[in-house]
N, C-alpha and C. Protein backbone atom coordinates (compact mmCIF):
# COMPACT_ATOMS: atom_id res chain seq x y z
N UNK A 1 -118.51 -12.24 -39.81
CA UNK A 1 -118.39 -10.92 -39.15
C UNK A 1 -117.04 -10.77 -38.63
N UNK A 2 -116.64 -9.68 -38.64
CA UNK A 2 -115.18 -9.31 -38.19
C UNK A 2 -115.31 -8.23 -37.30
N UNK A 3 -114.70 -8.47 -36.01
CA UNK A 3 -114.56 -7.24 -34.82
C UNK A 3 -113.37 -6.63 -34.76
N UNK A 4 -113.20 -5.34 -34.65
CA UNK A 4 -111.71 -4.96 -34.47
C UNK A 4 -112.07 -3.49 -33.80
N UNK A 5 -110.93 -2.82 -33.30
CA UNK A 5 -111.03 -1.53 -32.73
C UNK A 5 -109.93 -0.67 -33.36
N UNK A 6 -109.83 0.51 -33.54
CA UNK A 6 -108.91 1.38 -33.75
C UNK A 6 -108.92 2.63 -32.72
N UNK A 7 -107.67 2.99 -32.64
CA UNK A 7 -107.20 4.10 -31.81
C UNK A 7 -107.45 5.36 -32.34
N UNK A 8 -107.69 6.34 -31.50
CA UNK A 8 -107.66 7.70 -31.86
C UNK A 8 -107.59 8.43 -30.54
N UNK A 9 -107.75 9.84 -30.46
CA UNK A 9 -107.80 10.72 -29.24
C UNK A 9 -108.67 11.72 -29.43
N UNK A 10 -109.34 12.42 -28.33
CA UNK A 10 -110.05 13.43 -28.23
C UNK A 10 -109.32 14.62 -27.68
N UNK A 11 -109.32 15.83 -28.39
CA UNK A 11 -108.49 16.94 -27.77
C UNK A 11 -107.10 16.74 -27.65
N UNK A 12 -106.48 15.95 -27.08
CA UNK A 12 -105.09 15.74 -27.19
C UNK A 12 -104.78 14.18 -26.68
N UNK A 13 -103.86 13.76 -26.99
CA UNK A 13 -103.34 12.46 -26.77
C UNK A 13 -103.40 12.30 -25.20
N UNK A 14 -103.60 10.98 -24.76
CA UNK A 14 -103.58 10.82 -23.34
C UNK A 14 -102.43 11.09 -22.58
N UNK A 15 -100.96 10.80 -23.02
CA UNK A 15 -99.81 11.15 -22.41
C UNK A 15 -99.66 12.71 -22.27
N UNK A 16 -100.55 13.38 -22.84
CA UNK A 16 -100.25 15.05 -22.68
C UNK A 16 -101.03 15.54 -21.70
N UNK A 17 -102.11 14.78 -21.49
CA UNK A 17 -103.12 15.24 -20.67
C UNK A 17 -102.91 15.32 -19.08
N UNK A 18 -103.56 15.86 -18.53
CA UNK A 18 -103.28 15.85 -16.68
C UNK A 18 -104.92 15.66 -16.38
N UNK A 19 -105.11 14.38 -15.82
CA UNK A 19 -106.46 14.02 -15.22
C UNK A 19 -107.13 15.10 -14.36
N UNK A 20 -106.12 15.72 -13.40
CA UNK A 20 -106.50 16.44 -12.35
C UNK A 20 -107.17 17.83 -12.81
N UNK A 21 -106.88 18.13 -13.96
CA UNK A 21 -107.36 19.42 -14.76
C UNK A 21 -108.64 19.14 -15.36
N UNK A 22 -109.72 20.05 -14.96
CA UNK A 22 -111.08 19.69 -15.20
C UNK A 22 -111.09 19.58 -16.90
N UNK A 23 -110.45 20.67 -17.61
CA UNK A 23 -110.56 20.57 -19.04
C UNK A 23 -110.07 19.45 -19.61
N UNK A 24 -108.92 18.54 -19.28
CA UNK A 24 -108.42 17.47 -19.59
C UNK A 24 -109.21 16.28 -19.23
N UNK A 25 -110.28 16.13 -18.37
CA UNK A 25 -111.01 15.08 -18.12
C UNK A 25 -111.54 14.37 -19.21
N UNK A 26 -112.16 14.96 -20.20
CA UNK A 26 -112.60 14.33 -21.22
C UNK A 26 -111.63 14.09 -22.75
N UNK A 27 -110.44 14.35 -22.23
CA UNK A 27 -109.43 14.31 -23.46
C UNK A 27 -108.80 12.77 -23.32
N UNK A 28 -108.11 12.59 -24.28
CA UNK A 28 -107.19 11.37 -24.23
C UNK A 28 -107.52 10.44 -25.28
N UNK A 29 -107.42 9.10 -24.97
CA UNK A 29 -107.43 7.98 -26.04
C UNK A 29 -108.80 8.01 -26.25
N UNK A 30 -109.31 7.53 -27.42
CA UNK A 30 -110.76 7.08 -27.52
C UNK A 30 -110.49 6.02 -28.73
N UNK A 31 -111.42 4.98 -28.70
CA UNK A 31 -111.43 3.82 -29.62
C UNK A 31 -112.71 3.63 -30.25
N UNK A 32 -112.58 3.34 -31.50
CA UNK A 32 -113.71 2.59 -32.36
C UNK A 32 -113.89 1.34 -32.35
N UNK A 33 -114.83 0.73 -31.73
CA UNK A 33 -115.07 -0.67 -31.77
C UNK A 33 -116.04 -0.91 -32.94
N UNK A 34 -115.61 -1.77 -33.96
CA UNK A 34 -116.13 -1.99 -35.04
C UNK A 34 -116.67 -3.71 -35.50
N UNK A 35 -117.85 -3.42 -35.91
CA UNK A 35 -118.48 -4.83 -36.37
C UNK A 35 -118.80 -4.86 -37.90
N UNK A 36 -117.93 -5.55 -38.46
CA UNK A 36 -118.11 -5.47 -40.02
C UNK A 36 -118.24 -6.86 -40.75
N UNK A 37 -119.14 -6.74 -41.68
CA UNK A 37 -119.48 -7.87 -42.59
C UNK A 37 -118.95 -7.73 -43.78
N UNK A 38 -117.75 -8.73 -43.85
CA UNK A 38 -116.88 -8.68 -45.18
C UNK A 38 -117.65 -8.86 -46.42
N UNK A 39 -118.74 -10.04 -46.29
CA UNK A 39 -119.34 -10.37 -47.68
C UNK A 39 -120.21 -9.15 -48.23
N UNK A 40 -120.85 -8.33 -47.60
CA UNK A 40 -121.47 -7.36 -48.11
C UNK A 40 -121.10 -5.89 -47.76
N UNK A 41 -119.66 -5.73 -47.29
CA UNK A 41 -118.90 -4.68 -47.10
C UNK A 41 -119.79 -3.63 -46.45
N UNK A 42 -120.39 -4.07 -45.26
CA UNK A 42 -121.30 -3.41 -44.58
C UNK A 42 -120.72 -3.25 -42.93
N UNK A 43 -120.59 -2.12 -42.53
CA UNK A 43 -120.28 -1.80 -41.17
C UNK A 43 -121.46 -1.87 -40.38
N UNK A 44 -121.73 -2.84 -39.44
CA UNK A 44 -122.99 -3.35 -38.85
C UNK A 44 -123.05 -2.31 -37.57
N UNK A 45 -121.88 -2.11 -36.78
CA UNK A 45 -122.18 -1.10 -35.78
C UNK A 45 -120.79 -0.66 -35.28
N UNK A 46 -120.72 0.51 -34.87
CA UNK A 46 -119.49 1.22 -34.33
C UNK A 46 -119.87 1.92 -32.80
N UNK A 47 -119.17 1.46 -31.89
CA UNK A 47 -119.16 2.19 -30.56
C UNK A 47 -118.03 2.85 -30.25
N UNK A 48 -118.02 4.13 -29.94
CA UNK A 48 -116.89 5.01 -29.70
C UNK A 48 -116.69 5.10 -28.26
N UNK A 49 -115.43 5.01 -27.73
CA UNK A 49 -115.37 5.15 -26.34
C UNK A 49 -113.83 4.51 -25.75
N UNK A 50 -113.72 4.38 -24.55
CA UNK A 50 -112.64 3.86 -24.16
C UNK A 50 -112.39 2.38 -24.56
N UNK A 51 -111.22 1.66 -24.27
CA UNK A 51 -111.12 0.48 -24.90
C UNK A 51 -111.46 -0.26 -23.51
N UNK A 52 -112.92 -0.81 -23.38
CA UNK A 52 -113.02 -1.46 -22.21
C UNK A 52 -114.04 -2.72 -22.74
N UNK A 53 -114.21 -3.74 -21.91
CA UNK A 53 -115.02 -4.80 -22.14
C UNK A 53 -116.56 -4.51 -22.19
N UNK A 54 -116.74 -3.48 -21.55
CA UNK A 54 -118.49 -2.69 -21.69
C UNK A 54 -118.40 -2.27 -23.02
N UNK A 55 -117.43 -1.46 -23.63
CA UNK A 55 -117.65 -1.22 -25.04
C UNK A 55 -117.62 -2.41 -26.18
N UNK A 56 -116.65 -3.30 -25.80
CA UNK A 56 -116.77 -4.55 -26.53
C UNK A 56 -117.90 -5.27 -26.56
N UNK A 57 -118.64 -5.31 -25.24
CA UNK A 57 -119.71 -6.18 -25.36
C UNK A 57 -120.91 -5.38 -25.91
N UNK A 58 -120.93 -3.97 -26.00
CA UNK A 58 -121.97 -3.11 -26.71
C UNK A 58 -121.94 -3.26 -28.14
N UNK A 59 -120.80 -3.62 -28.65
CA UNK A 59 -120.71 -3.63 -30.05
C UNK A 59 -121.22 -4.84 -30.54
N UNK A 60 -121.07 -5.94 -29.77
CA UNK A 60 -121.35 -7.36 -29.91
C UNK A 60 -122.95 -7.50 -29.81
N UNK A 61 -123.40 -6.64 -28.71
CA UNK A 61 -124.84 -6.66 -28.31
C UNK A 61 -125.57 -5.70 -29.65
N UNK A 62 -125.19 -4.63 -30.29
CA UNK A 62 -125.68 -4.23 -31.10
C UNK A 62 -125.73 -5.14 -32.71
N UNK A 63 -124.70 -5.70 -32.64
CA UNK A 63 -124.62 -6.67 -33.86
C UNK A 63 -125.60 -7.64 -33.74
N UNK A 64 -125.73 -8.19 -32.47
CA UNK A 64 -127.00 -9.35 -32.38
C UNK A 64 -128.08 -8.56 -32.65
N UNK A 65 -128.40 -7.42 -32.43
CA UNK A 65 -129.62 -6.78 -32.27
C UNK A 65 -130.06 -6.50 -33.76
N UNK A 66 -129.06 -6.02 -34.41
CA UNK A 66 -129.06 -5.58 -36.07
C UNK A 66 -129.23 -6.94 -36.91
N UNK A 67 -128.87 -8.03 -36.23
CA UNK A 67 -129.06 -9.32 -36.97
C UNK A 67 -130.15 -10.12 -36.79
N UNK A 68 -130.79 -9.52 -35.80
CA UNK A 68 -132.06 -10.47 -35.17
C UNK A 68 -131.90 -11.50 -34.58
N UNK A 69 -130.57 -11.72 -34.09
CA UNK A 69 -129.95 -13.08 -33.42
C UNK A 69 -129.82 -14.15 -34.26
N UNK A 70 -129.94 -13.95 -35.74
CA UNK A 70 -129.68 -15.05 -36.59
C UNK A 70 -128.40 -15.72 -36.39
N UNK A 71 -128.19 -16.99 -36.63
CA UNK A 71 -126.77 -17.65 -36.43
C UNK A 71 -125.85 -17.07 -37.63
N UNK A 72 -124.78 -16.72 -37.07
CA UNK A 72 -123.59 -16.27 -38.16
C UNK A 72 -122.55 -17.28 -38.24
N UNK A 73 -122.26 -17.60 -39.34
CA UNK A 73 -121.22 -18.87 -39.42
C UNK A 73 -119.88 -18.65 -38.99
N UNK A 74 -119.32 -17.42 -38.67
CA UNK A 74 -118.04 -17.15 -38.37
C UNK A 74 -118.01 -15.88 -37.91
N UNK A 75 -117.25 -15.64 -36.68
CA UNK A 75 -116.97 -14.43 -36.30
C UNK A 75 -115.50 -14.46 -35.75
N UNK A 76 -114.78 -13.58 -36.33
CA UNK A 76 -113.45 -13.49 -36.02
C UNK A 76 -113.00 -11.79 -35.52
N UNK A 77 -111.81 -11.91 -34.85
CA UNK A 77 -111.39 -10.81 -34.29
C UNK A 77 -109.83 -10.97 -33.86
N UNK A 78 -109.09 -9.79 -33.72
CA UNK A 78 -107.97 -9.81 -33.08
C UNK A 78 -107.79 -10.67 -31.61
N UNK A 79 -106.64 -10.62 -30.92
CA UNK A 79 -106.66 -11.19 -29.73
C UNK A 79 -107.07 -10.46 -28.64
N UNK A 80 -107.89 -9.51 -28.73
CA UNK A 80 -108.53 -8.65 -27.68
C UNK A 80 -109.35 -9.53 -26.93
N UNK A 81 -109.12 -10.02 -25.74
CA UNK A 81 -109.85 -11.20 -25.00
C UNK A 81 -111.11 -10.58 -24.63
N UNK A 82 -111.44 -9.23 -24.65
CA UNK A 82 -113.10 -8.50 -24.57
C UNK A 82 -113.88 -9.15 -25.35
N UNK A 83 -113.57 -9.58 -26.58
CA UNK A 83 -114.65 -10.22 -27.47
C UNK A 83 -115.06 -11.54 -27.27
N UNK A 84 -114.27 -12.49 -26.62
CA UNK A 84 -114.74 -13.61 -26.17
C UNK A 84 -115.44 -13.40 -24.96
N UNK A 85 -115.38 -12.70 -24.19
CA UNK A 85 -116.38 -12.54 -22.98
C UNK A 85 -117.66 -11.79 -23.21
N UNK A 86 -117.41 -11.03 -24.34
CA UNK A 86 -118.82 -10.36 -24.90
C UNK A 86 -119.57 -11.20 -25.50
N UNK A 87 -119.08 -12.19 -26.45
CA UNK A 87 -119.63 -13.03 -27.25
C UNK A 87 -120.39 -14.04 -26.15
N UNK A 88 -119.70 -14.44 -25.20
CA UNK A 88 -120.26 -15.21 -24.10
C UNK A 88 -121.63 -14.40 -23.40
N UNK A 89 -121.24 -13.34 -23.07
CA UNK A 89 -122.25 -12.45 -22.18
C UNK A 89 -123.56 -12.52 -23.04
N UNK A 90 -123.19 -12.06 -24.37
CA UNK A 90 -124.49 -11.85 -25.39
C UNK A 90 -125.09 -12.98 -25.92
N UNK A 91 -124.40 -14.03 -26.38
CA UNK A 91 -125.08 -15.10 -27.06
C UNK A 91 -125.41 -16.36 -26.02
N UNK A 92 -124.69 -16.38 -24.87
CA UNK A 92 -125.07 -17.43 -23.88
C UNK A 92 -126.51 -17.92 -23.85
N UNK A 93 -126.77 -19.24 -23.86
CA UNK A 93 -128.21 -19.71 -23.64
C UNK A 93 -128.17 -20.21 -22.20
N UNK A 94 -129.59 -19.96 -21.42
CA UNK A 94 -129.51 -20.96 -20.31
C UNK A 94 -129.43 -22.19 -20.59
N UNK A 95 -128.50 -22.91 -19.77
CA UNK A 95 -128.52 -24.63 -19.79
C UNK A 95 -129.69 -25.25 -19.31
N UNK A 96 -130.04 -26.22 -19.69
CA UNK A 96 -131.06 -27.16 -18.94
C UNK A 96 -130.55 -27.54 -17.72
N UNK A 97 -131.33 -27.76 -16.86
CA UNK A 97 -130.97 -28.04 -15.41
C UNK A 97 -131.55 -29.34 -15.15
N UNK A 98 -130.38 -30.01 -14.76
CA UNK A 98 -130.53 -31.53 -14.29
C UNK A 98 -131.43 -31.81 -13.08
N UNK A 99 -132.41 -32.67 -12.85
CA UNK A 99 -132.97 -32.94 -11.85
C UNK A 99 -132.16 -33.05 -10.53
N UNK A 100 -132.63 -32.07 -9.35
CA UNK A 100 -132.00 -32.44 -8.25
C UNK A 100 -130.90 -31.04 -7.99
N UNK A 101 -130.89 -30.04 -9.10
CA UNK A 101 -129.93 -29.06 -9.03
C UNK A 101 -130.81 -27.99 -9.13
N UNK A 102 -130.23 -26.65 -8.40
CA UNK A 102 -130.90 -25.43 -8.65
C UNK A 102 -130.64 -25.07 -9.78
N UNK A 103 -131.51 -23.94 -10.30
CA UNK A 103 -131.24 -23.31 -11.72
C UNK A 103 -130.07 -22.44 -11.74
N UNK A 104 -129.74 -21.63 -10.58
CA UNK A 104 -128.65 -21.00 -10.40
C UNK A 104 -127.28 -21.64 -10.42
N UNK A 105 -126.95 -23.01 -10.39
CA UNK A 105 -126.08 -23.74 -10.46
C UNK A 105 -125.82 -24.10 -11.98
N UNK A 106 -126.81 -24.10 -12.68
CA UNK A 106 -126.54 -24.29 -14.33
C UNK A 106 -125.76 -23.50 -15.05
N UNK A 107 -124.59 -23.77 -15.63
CA UNK A 107 -123.82 -22.79 -16.47
C UNK A 107 -124.33 -22.62 -17.74
N UNK A 108 -124.56 -21.26 -17.92
CA UNK A 108 -125.24 -20.89 -19.42
C UNK A 108 -123.91 -21.41 -20.45
N UNK A 109 -124.57 -21.73 -21.80
CA UNK A 109 -123.76 -22.42 -22.73
C UNK A 109 -123.92 -21.58 -23.94
N UNK A 110 -123.03 -21.68 -24.80
CA UNK A 110 -123.11 -20.98 -25.98
C UNK A 110 -123.66 -21.80 -26.82
N UNK A 111 -124.35 -21.51 -28.06
CA UNK A 111 -124.97 -22.12 -29.02
C UNK A 111 -124.05 -22.87 -29.85
N UNK A 112 -124.60 -24.07 -30.45
CA UNK A 112 -123.44 -24.89 -31.19
C UNK A 112 -123.23 -24.45 -32.35
N UNK A 113 -123.78 -23.41 -33.23
CA UNK A 113 -123.61 -22.63 -34.17
C UNK A 113 -122.50 -21.88 -34.09
N UNK A 114 -122.33 -21.21 -33.04
CA UNK A 114 -121.41 -20.16 -32.87
C UNK A 114 -120.04 -20.50 -32.90
N UNK A 115 -119.11 -19.99 -33.65
CA UNK A 115 -117.95 -20.29 -34.07
C UNK A 115 -117.07 -18.91 -34.16
N UNK A 116 -116.10 -18.56 -32.99
CA UNK A 116 -115.35 -17.68 -33.27
C UNK A 116 -113.82 -17.88 -33.24
N UNK A 117 -113.26 -17.50 -34.22
CA UNK A 117 -111.63 -17.55 -33.98
C UNK A 117 -110.78 -16.30 -34.22
N UNK A 118 -109.69 -16.20 -33.59
CA UNK A 118 -108.65 -14.99 -33.39
C UNK A 118 -107.63 -15.17 -34.43
N UNK A 119 -107.08 -14.11 -34.75
CA UNK A 119 -105.72 -14.18 -35.59
C UNK A 119 -104.62 -13.66 -34.48
N UNK A 120 -103.61 -14.53 -34.40
CA UNK A 120 -102.47 -14.23 -33.70
C UNK A 120 -101.65 -13.73 -34.53
N UNK A 121 -100.78 -12.56 -34.47
CA UNK A 121 -99.89 -12.09 -35.36
C UNK A 121 -98.39 -11.89 -34.53
N UNK A 122 -97.47 -12.66 -34.98
CA UNK A 122 -96.20 -12.44 -34.32
C UNK A 122 -95.35 -11.23 -35.18
N UNK A 123 -94.91 -10.55 -34.68
CA UNK A 123 -94.09 -9.34 -35.05
C UNK A 123 -92.77 -9.49 -34.72
N UNK A 124 -91.87 -8.93 -35.81
CA UNK A 124 -90.39 -8.72 -35.46
C UNK A 124 -90.06 -7.38 -36.10
N UNK A 125 -89.46 -6.29 -35.19
CA UNK A 125 -89.05 -5.17 -35.61
C UNK A 125 -90.41 -4.37 -36.22
N UNK A 126 -91.62 -4.55 -35.46
CA UNK A 126 -92.56 -3.92 -35.79
C UNK A 126 -93.36 -4.07 -36.99
N UNK A 127 -93.06 -5.34 -37.70
CA UNK A 127 -93.74 -5.75 -38.71
C UNK A 127 -94.25 -7.27 -38.55
N UNK A 128 -95.40 -7.54 -39.22
CA UNK A 128 -96.12 -8.72 -38.99
C UNK A 128 -95.25 -9.89 -39.80
N UNK A 129 -94.81 -11.01 -39.36
CA UNK A 129 -94.00 -12.10 -39.98
C UNK A 129 -94.59 -13.12 -40.08
N UNK A 130 -95.65 -13.22 -39.23
CA UNK A 130 -96.42 -14.65 -39.12
C UNK A 130 -97.84 -14.51 -38.56
N UNK A 131 -98.96 -15.13 -39.06
CA UNK A 131 -100.30 -15.11 -38.78
C UNK A 131 -100.90 -16.38 -38.37
N UNK A 132 -101.20 -16.64 -37.37
CA UNK A 132 -101.94 -17.97 -36.92
C UNK A 132 -103.37 -17.61 -36.45
N UNK A 133 -104.04 -18.85 -36.83
CA UNK A 133 -105.52 -18.98 -36.37
C UNK A 133 -105.43 -19.64 -35.02
N UNK A 134 -106.56 -19.17 -34.27
CA UNK A 134 -106.80 -19.62 -33.07
C UNK A 134 -108.41 -19.90 -32.75
N UNK A 135 -108.84 -20.93 -32.54
CA UNK A 135 -110.38 -21.16 -32.53
C UNK A 135 -110.50 -20.94 -30.82
N UNK A 136 -111.55 -20.13 -30.78
CA UNK A 136 -111.91 -19.83 -29.26
C UNK A 136 -113.27 -20.51 -29.04
N UNK A 137 -114.22 -20.41 -29.85
CA UNK A 137 -115.51 -20.81 -29.60
C UNK A 137 -115.87 -22.01 -30.67
N UNK A 138 -116.62 -22.80 -30.76
CA UNK A 138 -117.20 -23.75 -31.80
C UNK A 138 -116.30 -25.08 -32.12
N UNK A 139 -116.28 -25.77 -33.29
CA UNK A 139 -115.77 -26.87 -33.55
C UNK A 139 -114.78 -26.72 -34.80
N UNK A 140 -113.66 -27.25 -34.84
CA UNK A 140 -112.99 -27.15 -35.92
C UNK A 140 -113.50 -27.55 -37.44
N UNK A 141 -114.51 -28.44 -37.29
CA UNK A 141 -115.19 -28.92 -38.65
C UNK A 141 -116.32 -27.72 -38.71
N UNK A 142 -116.72 -26.99 -37.97
CA UNK A 142 -117.64 -25.91 -38.23
C UNK A 142 -116.82 -24.71 -38.84
N UNK A 143 -115.44 -24.49 -38.11
CA UNK A 143 -114.84 -23.40 -39.03
C UNK A 143 -114.32 -23.67 -40.17
N UNK A 144 -113.82 -24.82 -40.49
CA UNK A 144 -113.72 -25.16 -41.81
C UNK A 144 -114.83 -25.16 -42.92
N UNK A 145 -116.08 -25.56 -42.27
CA UNK A 145 -117.26 -25.23 -43.31
C UNK A 145 -117.55 -23.92 -43.48
N UNK A 146 -117.42 -23.10 -42.44
CA UNK A 146 -117.77 -21.72 -42.70
C UNK A 146 -116.62 -21.14 -43.45
N UNK A 147 -115.44 -21.33 -43.61
CA UNK A 147 -114.53 -20.97 -44.59
C UNK A 147 -114.62 -21.51 -46.10
N UNK A 148 -115.20 -22.75 -46.21
CA UNK A 148 -115.56 -23.30 -47.50
C UNK A 148 -116.60 -22.48 -48.10
N UNK A 149 -117.48 -22.25 -47.13
CA UNK A 149 -118.93 -21.60 -47.80
C UNK A 149 -118.88 -20.06 -47.99
N UNK A 150 -117.53 -19.62 -47.50
CA UNK A 150 -117.55 -17.88 -47.51
C UNK A 150 -117.16 -17.77 -48.88
N UNK A 151 -117.92 -16.54 -49.51
CA UNK A 151 -117.65 -16.03 -50.83
C UNK A 151 -116.39 -14.89 -50.71
N UNK A 152 -115.77 -14.78 -49.61
CA UNK A 152 -114.75 -13.79 -49.82
C UNK A 152 -113.46 -14.03 -49.03
N UNK A 153 -113.71 -15.36 -48.46
CA UNK A 153 -112.28 -15.62 -47.63
C UNK A 153 -112.10 -17.09 -47.55
N UNK A 154 -110.90 -17.46 -47.49
CA UNK A 154 -110.58 -18.93 -47.20
C UNK A 154 -109.72 -19.39 -46.12
N UNK A 155 -109.32 -18.34 -45.26
CA UNK A 155 -108.83 -18.52 -44.01
C UNK A 155 -109.28 -17.34 -42.91
N UNK A 156 -109.10 -17.83 -41.86
CA UNK A 156 -109.48 -16.72 -40.92
C UNK A 156 -108.49 -15.42 -40.75
N UNK A 157 -109.32 -14.24 -41.09
CA UNK A 157 -108.62 -13.12 -41.04
C UNK A 157 -109.36 -12.11 -40.52
N UNK A 158 -108.98 -10.89 -40.35
CA UNK A 158 -109.49 -9.53 -40.22
C UNK A 158 -109.05 -8.31 -41.11
N UNK A 159 -108.65 -8.90 -42.19
CA UNK A 159 -108.21 -7.96 -43.32
C UNK A 159 -109.13 -6.97 -43.71
N UNK A 160 -110.47 -7.28 -43.81
CA UNK A 160 -111.43 -6.40 -44.42
C UNK A 160 -111.77 -5.31 -43.21
N UNK A 161 -111.81 -5.63 -42.07
CA UNK A 161 -112.29 -4.55 -41.12
C UNK A 161 -111.01 -3.72 -40.84
N UNK A 162 -109.62 -4.25 -41.03
CA UNK A 162 -108.67 -3.51 -40.95
C UNK A 162 -108.51 -2.46 -42.03
N UNK A 163 -108.88 -3.04 -43.25
CA UNK A 163 -108.90 -2.22 -44.38
C UNK A 163 -109.80 -0.89 -44.30
N UNK A 164 -111.13 -1.18 -43.67
CA UNK A 164 -112.09 -0.21 -43.43
C UNK A 164 -111.32 1.06 -42.60
N UNK A 165 -110.58 0.30 -41.61
CA UNK A 165 -109.89 1.13 -40.34
C UNK A 165 -108.86 2.05 -40.94
N UNK A 166 -108.03 1.50 -41.92
CA UNK A 166 -107.20 2.20 -42.84
C UNK A 166 -107.66 3.25 -43.65
N UNK A 167 -108.74 2.97 -44.12
CA UNK A 167 -109.32 4.09 -45.11
C UNK A 167 -109.78 5.17 -44.21
N UNK A 168 -110.69 4.69 -43.04
CA UNK A 168 -111.03 5.70 -41.96
C UNK A 168 -109.82 6.67 -41.68
N UNK A 169 -108.59 6.14 -41.24
CA UNK A 169 -107.55 6.94 -40.72
C UNK A 169 -106.95 7.80 -41.63
N UNK A 170 -107.32 7.44 -43.19
CA UNK A 170 -106.70 8.55 -44.14
C UNK A 170 -107.65 9.53 -44.45
N UNK A 171 -109.00 9.38 -43.83
CA UNK A 171 -109.93 10.48 -44.07
C UNK A 171 -110.26 11.32 -43.08
N UNK A 172 -109.54 10.90 -41.72
CA UNK A 172 -109.82 11.71 -40.57
C UNK A 172 -108.47 11.96 -39.79
N UNK A 173 -108.08 13.29 -39.82
CA UNK A 173 -106.74 13.50 -39.39
C UNK A 173 -106.63 13.44 -37.81
N UNK A 174 -107.75 13.02 -37.25
CA UNK A 174 -107.31 12.54 -35.67
C UNK A 174 -106.88 11.39 -35.51
N UNK A 175 -107.47 10.52 -36.61
CA UNK A 175 -106.96 9.13 -36.47
C UNK A 175 -105.68 8.69 -37.19
N UNK A 176 -104.86 9.76 -37.89
CA UNK A 176 -103.77 9.66 -38.38
C UNK A 176 -102.65 8.94 -37.30
N UNK A 177 -101.87 8.13 -37.64
CA UNK A 177 -100.93 7.79 -36.66
C UNK A 177 -99.54 8.65 -37.03
N UNK A 178 -98.98 9.08 -35.92
CA UNK A 178 -97.58 9.73 -35.94
C UNK A 178 -97.82 10.83 -36.23
N UNK A 179 -98.70 11.61 -35.64
CA UNK A 179 -98.87 13.27 -36.09
C UNK A 179 -98.34 13.99 -34.95
């Protein structure tokens, strides 16, 4: 599963709006948060709204509902930190409480099967020159097994969801860059 978001705007770009004007209150930046299955080329969920943790959590929650909570061998995203907290909020299981401790003291923990990795892009002059993988949740061995078992990829990336976003940009004039 790949998570990503793409920018657009409603009415006018954020920098051209005046929040004190009633007609501009609903204008400005708008983001599509996307959950994409690269093996089946399936957009599982799209949440439209501001770029907030709540919307990132909503797209992860919808993804979990649509997959009936089944274990997914690998989840990837860019380095937007809201996805890590969203995965924790949606997938965390209650921890077992040791004797003598209150249930409220027990930290919820992520399931052992959950593997989340991000893609770190190094840019020079607005061009990507280097891409690194960073493991967020799970074991390195589980990450390697997920990549070996994948039918579409051999390294952590977000290219499939970014390709969907690029196609969407070409088909929707509001999402075209530099207009």
